[in-house]
Amino acid sequence: TEDATWEWDLGTGIVDHNARWGMLTGDEEEAHHSVQVWAARMHPEDISRATGALNAHFMGKTEQYSAEYRYLHRKGHWIWILDRGKVVSRDAGGRPLRLAGTMAEVTARKEAELALQASEARLRAVVAAPLPDPTLLLADPQAPAGAPPRRPWRRRLQRFVVTWLCRLLPLEVLVPLLAHSPLLDLGIQAAYRDPVIGDGELHRLIARPARRAGAVRALRAMSIAMALRPHGATAPALLRRLRHPCLLLWGGDDRLVPLDVGLQCQRLRPDLALEVIDQAGHCPHDERPDAFHRVLIPWLERL
């Protein structure tokens, strides 16, 4: 679509614009407006970002001014604006006199970006949920929400100890060794109720990520992050803040993350749905897919 054009006289504070500007903002009968009107109709949360971009350009820190912000349409709803401009004249002392630029409505794009960010945030929480979290076993369902106070020196000491312990562990030796040894088969078997030792395809599927070049670095970073995560990122705190429907599907014979952990999740959030798949271990979707789907699909259809 065609962009609106504008020119701002900094001496008078008047902004002249073409007809397209009025079509975007609903001010079709106005050929110009004051910069005070522009600021008054900008969303309060976006003013500092837009004015900061302007000041940076005025001081010569950027080649052009560019900002995205919400602007109040004449009909009362918010639209997203991509505003770009450049100083076209300065006085003898280098102070800006006139600024010219273009303005485009980008509401559809911004709403799609925000929806994607929200979706990604929910996805990260769901992906993190299956990780065994020791804080679940220690959490008191009757305890008030909020982080227990910790002194700054204790946080610094904990960070130092955890970081150095993870660096001192010879993961560069241990991870490849486990990935190429029979110990991996024993670990896989712990996740299944039925015998799987000797399943070459399953072994390759589990071993492949551990053999990648960045596996050790990723494991060390994940270990440090899990040990040092704030109270608000632990499973009990996340469960208390959960606002979306959640279904817990648990293998009745899970030896990696016992069913007691699922029951503790229910004690923390009694409204959670917990379904136990009989004769299945840690991977009920793999061992008992038919039973898994008989529970999951109707639950999804009821949402």
Protein backbone atom coordinates (compact mmCIF):
# COMPACT_ATOMS: atom_id res chain seq x y z
CA THR A 1 0.00 0.00 0.00
CA GLU A 2 1.01 3.61 -0.47
CA ASP A 3 2.88 5.21 2.42
CA ALA A 4 1.85 8.54 3.86
CA THR A 5 4.39 11.38 3.62
CA TRP A 6 4.99 14.15 6.14
CA GLU A 7 7.29 17.08 6.83
CA TRP A 8 7.88 18.55 10.26
CA ASP A 9 8.94 22.18 10.81
CA LEU A 10 10.72 22.04 14.16
CA GLY A 11 10.57 25.81 14.53
CA THR A 12 6.77 26.01 14.42
CA GLY A 13 6.04 22.48 15.59
CA ILE A 14 3.67 21.95 12.64
CA VAL A 15 3.65 18.70 10.65
CA ASP A 16 2.34 18.89 7.06
CA HIS A 17 1.23 15.64 5.44
CA ASN A 18 -0.44 14.27 2.34
CA ALA A 19 -3.97 12.87 2.01
CA ARG A 20 -2.75 9.32 2.66
CA TRP A 21 -1.85 10.26 6.24
CA GLY A 22 -5.46 11.29 6.87
CA MET A 23 -6.74 8.02 5.38
CA LEU A 24 -4.54 5.98 7.74
CA THR A 25 -5.40 7.89 10.91
CA GLY A 26 -9.00 8.90 10.16
CA ASP A 27 -8.13 12.63 9.97
CA GLU A 28 -9.02 12.97 6.30
CA GLU A 29 -10.04 16.62 6.54
CA GLU A 30 -6.77 17.83 8.10
CA ALA A 31 -3.74 18.79 5.99
CA HIS A 32 -1.49 19.42 8.97
CA HIS A 33 -1.33 19.03 12.75
CA SER A 34 0.90 20.00 15.64
CA VAL A 35 3.56 17.68 16.99
CA GLN A 36 1.74 17.87 20.35
CA VAL A 37 -1.31 16.19 18.76
CA TRP A 38 0.94 13.45 17.39
CA ALA A 39 2.44 12.80 20.84
CA ALA A 40 -0.95 12.93 22.58
CA ARG A 41 -2.40 10.21 20.34
CA MET A 42 0.58 7.88 20.63
CA HIS A 43 0.22 4.93 23.02
CA PRO A 44 1.77 5.86 26.40
CA GLU A 45 3.91 2.69 26.41
CA ASP A 46 5.48 3.64 23.06
CA ILE A 47 6.25 7.34 23.56
CA SER A 48 9.67 6.92 25.17
CA ARG A 49 10.84 4.52 22.45
CA ALA A 50 9.71 6.81 19.60
CA THR A 51 11.07 10.02 21.14
CA GLY A 52 14.32 8.22 21.96
CA ALA A 53 14.72 7.25 18.31
CA LEU A 54 14.02 10.85 17.31
CA ASN A 55 16.57 12.33 19.71
CA ALA A 56 19.21 9.81 18.63
CA HIS A 57 18.73 10.93 15.01
CA PHE A 58 18.76 14.62 15.92
CA MET A 59 22.14 14.10 17.64
CA GLY A 60 23.55 12.39 14.57
CA LYS A 61 23.76 8.92 16.14
CA THR A 62 21.62 7.34 13.40
CA GLU A 63 21.34 7.94 9.68
CA GLN A 64 17.56 8.08 9.87
CA TYR A 65 14.75 8.06 12.40
CA SER A 66 12.70 4.86 12.55
CA ALA A 67 10.11 3.75 15.11
CA GLU A 68 7.11 1.45 15.41
CA TYR A 69 4.34 2.56 17.74
CA ARG A 70 0.61 2.40 18.36
CA TYR A 71 -1.40 5.43 17.27
CA LEU A 72 -4.98 6.24 18.25
CA HIS A 73 -7.22 6.23 15.18
CA ARG A 74 -9.90 8.92 14.96
CA LYS A 75 -12.56 6.17 15.40
CA GLY A 76 -11.08 5.14 18.74
CA HIS A 77 -9.05 2.01 17.99
CA TRP A 78 -5.27 1.54 17.99
CA ILE A 79 -3.28 1.02 14.82
CA TRP A 80 0.40 0.13 14.51
CA ILE A 81 2.53 2.65 12.63
CA LEU A 82 5.98 2.30 11.05
CA ASP A 83 7.34 5.84 11.07
CA ARG A 84 10.58 6.77 9.28
CA GLY A 85 12.21 10.08 8.58
CA LYS A 86 15.40 12.06 8.16
CA VAL A 87 16.64 15.57 8.92
CA VAL A 88 16.61 17.50 5.64
CA SER A 89 17.92 20.84 6.88
CA ARG A 90 19.96 22.18 9.82
CA ASP A 91 21.03 25.66 10.91
CA ALA A 92 24.61 26.92 10.99
CA GLY A 93 25.09 25.38 14.43
CA GLY A 94 23.99 21.95 13.25
CA ARG A 95 20.59 22.03 14.98
CA PRO A 96 17.82 20.32 12.98
CA LEU A 97 15.27 22.61 11.32
CA ARG A 98 13.12 20.28 9.20
CA LEU A 99 12.43 16.55 9.24
CA ALA A 100 10.73 14.68 6.39
CA GLY A 101 9.60 11.09 6.17
CA THR A 102 6.99 8.45 5.52
CA MET A 103 4.45 6.58 7.61
CA ALA A 104 2.90 3.17 6.94
CA GLU A 105 0.29 1.14 8.81
CA VAL A 106 1.66 -2.26 9.89
CA THR A 107 -1.13 -3.41 12.22
CA ALA A 108 -1.59 -6.83 10.62
CA ARG A 109 2.13 -7.62 10.72
CA LYS A 110 2.59 -6.49 14.34
CA GLU A 111 -0.43 -8.44 15.56
CA ALA A 112 0.90 -11.56 13.82
CA GLU A 113 4.35 -11.03 15.41
CA LEU A 114 2.86 -10.59 18.88
CA ALA A 115 0.68 -13.68 18.46
CA LEU A 116 3.72 -15.70 17.37
CA GLN A 117 5.75 -14.48 20.37
CA ALA A 118 2.93 -15.47 22.73
CA SER A 119 2.67 -18.88 21.05
CA GLU A 120 6.43 -19.44 21.33
CA ALA A 121 6.34 -18.50 25.01
CA ARG A 122 3.59 -21.06 25.66
CA LEU A 123 5.49 -23.67 23.66
CA ARG A 124 8.66 -23.16 25.74
CA ALA A 125 6.66 -23.71 28.91
CA VAL A 126 5.11 -26.93 27.58
CA VAL A 127 8.47 -28.27 26.38
CA ALA A 128 10.00 -27.59 29.79
CA ALA A 129 7.17 -29.30 31.66
CA PRO A 130 8.29 -32.95 31.15
CA LEU A 131 11.75 -32.30 32.62
CA PRO A 132 12.04 -33.91 36.08
CA ASP A 133 12.15 -31.04 38.56
CA PRO A 134 13.27 -31.89 42.12
CA THR A 135 11.40 -28.84 43.43
CA LEU A 136 8.13 -30.67 42.76
CA LEU A 137 8.93 -33.24 45.43
CA LEU A 138 9.87 -30.54 47.95
CA ALA A 139 6.99 -28.16 47.24
CA ASP A 140 4.31 -27.62 49.88
CA PRO A 141 0.85 -27.25 48.27
CA GLN A 142 -0.23 -25.08 51.20
CA ALA A 143 2.76 -22.73 50.98
CA PRO A 144 2.05 -19.17 49.75
CA ALA A 145 3.17 -18.30 46.26
CA GLY A 146 6.34 -16.30 45.84
CA ALA A 147 10.06 -16.79 46.06
CA PRO A 148 11.72 -17.35 49.43
CA PRO A 149 14.14 -14.51 50.12
CA ARG A 150 17.80 -15.24 49.42
CA ARG A 151 20.71 -13.02 50.34
CA PRO A 152 22.71 -11.61 47.40
CA TRP A 153 25.95 -13.21 48.61
CA ARG A 154 24.28 -16.63 48.67
CA ARG A 155 23.07 -16.20 45.09
CA ARG A 156 26.58 -15.21 43.98
CA LEU A 157 28.13 -18.14 45.84
CA GLN A 158 25.63 -20.58 44.34
CA ARG A 159 26.31 -19.26 40.84
CA PHE A 160 30.07 -19.58 41.34
CA VAL A 161 29.91 -23.14 42.74
CA VAL A 162 27.46 -24.47 40.15
CA THR A 163 29.30 -22.90 37.21
CA TRP A 164 32.66 -24.26 38.24
CA LEU A 165 31.34 -27.73 39.07
CA CYS A 166 29.77 -27.98 35.63
CA ARG A 167 33.00 -26.78 34.02
CA LEU A 168 35.14 -29.22 35.98
CA LEU A 169 33.02 -32.26 35.08
CA PRO A 170 34.76 -34.03 32.15
CA LEU A 171 31.63 -34.00 29.98
CA GLU A 172 33.77 -33.96 26.82
CA VAL A 173 34.84 -37.49 27.81
CA LEU A 174 31.69 -38.76 29.54
CA VAL A 175 29.09 -37.86 26.90
CA PRO A 176 30.80 -39.54 23.90
CA LEU A 177 31.68 -42.50 26.11
CA LEU A 178 28.07 -43.02 27.18
CA ALA A 179 26.81 -42.51 23.63
CA HIS A 180 29.01 -45.36 22.38
CA SER A 181 28.70 -47.73 25.33
CA PRO A 182 26.15 -50.35 26.45
CA LEU A 183 25.32 -48.04 29.37
CA LEU A 184 23.14 -46.06 26.97
CA ASP A 185 20.99 -49.13 26.37
CA LEU A 186 20.50 -49.51 30.12
CA GLY A 187 19.43 -45.87 30.34
CA ILE A 188 16.96 -46.30 27.48
CA GLN A 189 15.56 -49.44 29.10
CA ALA A 190 14.85 -47.45 32.27
CA ALA A 191 12.42 -45.32 30.25
CA TYR A 192 10.45 -48.32 28.95
CA ARG A 193 8.37 -50.99 30.62
CA ASP A 194 8.78 -53.51 27.80
CA PRO A 195 12.25 -54.87 26.85
CA VAL A 196 13.96 -52.60 24.28
CA ILE A 197 17.63 -53.58 24.63
CA GLY A 198 18.76 -54.61 21.17
CA ASP A 199 16.41 -52.20 19.36
CA GLY A 200 19.00 -50.68 17.02
CA GLU A 201 16.68 -48.00 15.60
CA LEU A 202 15.76 -46.72 19.06
CA HIS A 203 19.42 -46.76 20.12
CA ARG A 204 20.45 -44.68 17.09
CA LEU A 205 17.58 -42.24 17.64
CA ILE A 206 18.64 -41.56 21.24
CA ALA A 207 22.41 -41.62 20.61
CA ARG A 208 22.44 -39.30 17.59
CA PRO A 209 21.91 -35.99 19.50
CA ALA A 210 24.63 -36.95 22.04
CA ARG A 211 27.13 -37.42 19.22
CA ARG A 212 26.62 -33.97 17.70
CA ALA A 213 29.41 -31.41 17.96
CA GLY A 214 27.48 -29.05 20.26
CA ALA A 215 26.02 -31.70 22.56
CA VAL A 216 28.48 -31.21 25.44
CA ARG A 217 28.17 -27.43 25.36
CA ALA A 218 24.36 -27.66 25.30
CA LEU A 219 24.27 -30.13 28.20
CA ARG A 220 26.59 -28.00 30.32
CA ALA A 221 24.59 -24.82 29.61
CA MET A 222 21.29 -26.57 30.37
CA SER A 223 22.66 -27.94 33.66
CA ILE A 224 23.84 -24.50 34.78
CA ALA A 225 20.56 -22.86 33.74
CA MET A 226 18.46 -25.47 35.57
CA ALA A 227 20.53 -25.15 38.75
CA LEU A 228 20.47 -21.34 38.75
CA ARG A 229 16.96 -20.68 37.45
CA PRO A 230 14.92 -18.25 39.56
CA HIS A 231 12.11 -19.47 41.80
CA GLY A 232 9.54 -18.25 39.28
CA ALA A 233 10.90 -20.70 36.67
CA THR A 234 10.54 -23.81 38.83
CA ALA A 235 7.75 -26.31 38.19
CA PRO A 236 5.69 -25.44 41.31
CA ALA A 237 5.72 -21.72 40.48
CA LEU A 238 4.86 -22.36 36.81
CA LEU A 239 2.01 -24.68 37.78
CA ARG A 240 0.50 -22.05 40.06
CA ARG A 241 0.60 -19.48 37.23
CA LEU A 242 -0.78 -21.83 34.58
CA ARG A 243 -3.85 -20.33 32.91
CA HIS A 244 -4.38 -22.78 30.04
CA PRO A 245 -5.93 -26.27 30.07
CA CYS A 246 -3.35 -28.94 30.84
CA LEU A 247 -3.50 -32.72 30.57
CA LEU A 248 -0.90 -34.88 32.32
CA LEU A 249 -0.45 -38.28 30.65
CA TRP A 250 1.63 -40.60 32.83
CA GLY A 251 2.89 -44.12 32.36
CA GLY A 252 1.73 -46.24 35.27
CA ASP A 253 5.12 -48.01 35.38
CA ASP A 254 7.29 -44.92 34.80
CA ARG A 255 10.61 -45.44 36.60
CA LEU A 256 12.34 -42.26 35.41
CA VAL A 257 9.71 -39.82 36.69
CA PRO A 258 7.46 -41.81 39.06
CA LEU A 259 3.72 -41.32 39.20
CA ASP A 260 4.17 -39.66 42.62
CA VAL A 261 5.45 -36.60 40.74
CA GLY A 262 2.21 -36.43 38.74
CA LEU A 263 0.17 -36.75 41.91
CA GLN A 264 2.19 -33.91 43.44
CA CYS A 265 1.36 -31.78 40.39
CA GLN A 266 -2.31 -32.42 41.09
CA ARG A 267 -1.88 -31.46 44.74
CA LEU A 268 -0.38 -28.17 43.63
CA ARG A 269 -3.09 -27.62 40.99
CA PRO A 270 -6.19 -29.73 41.76
CA ASP A 271 -7.81 -28.66 38.47
CA LEU A 272 -5.14 -30.44 36.40
CA ALA A 273 -6.31 -33.53 34.53
CA LEU A 274 -4.10 -36.55 35.25
CA GLU A 275 -4.57 -39.73 33.20
CA VAL A 276 -2.51 -42.86 33.88
CA ILE A 277 -1.70 -45.18 30.96
CA ASP A 278 -1.45 -48.71 32.26
CA GLN A 279 1.40 -51.01 31.26
CA ALA A 280 3.54 -48.09 30.04
CA GLY A 281 6.77 -46.50 31.21
CA HIS A 282 8.15 -43.00 30.63
CA CYS A 283 7.13 -43.04 26.94
CA PRO A 284 3.44 -44.06 26.90
CA HIS A 285 2.97 -42.51 23.46
CA ASP A 286 5.54 -44.99 22.12
CA GLU A 287 4.69 -48.11 24.13
CA ARG A 288 0.89 -47.81 24.20
CA PRO A 289 -0.03 -45.41 21.33
CA ASP A 290 -3.62 -46.63 21.05
CA ALA A 291 -4.34 -46.09 24.74
CA PHE A 292 -2.49 -42.77 24.60
CA HIS A 293 -4.62 -41.49 21.72
CA ARG A 294 -7.87 -42.73 23.28
CA VAL A 295 -7.24 -40.33 26.13
CA LEU A 296 -5.61 -37.42 24.29
CA ILE A 297 -7.84 -36.96 21.24
CA PRO A 298 -11.21 -36.70 23.11
CA TRP A 299 -9.60 -34.27 25.57
CA LEU A 300 -8.44 -32.05 22.70
CA GLU A 301 -11.86 -32.20 21.05
CA ARG A 302 -13.51 -30.94 24.26
CA LEU A 303 -11.39 -27.77 24.35
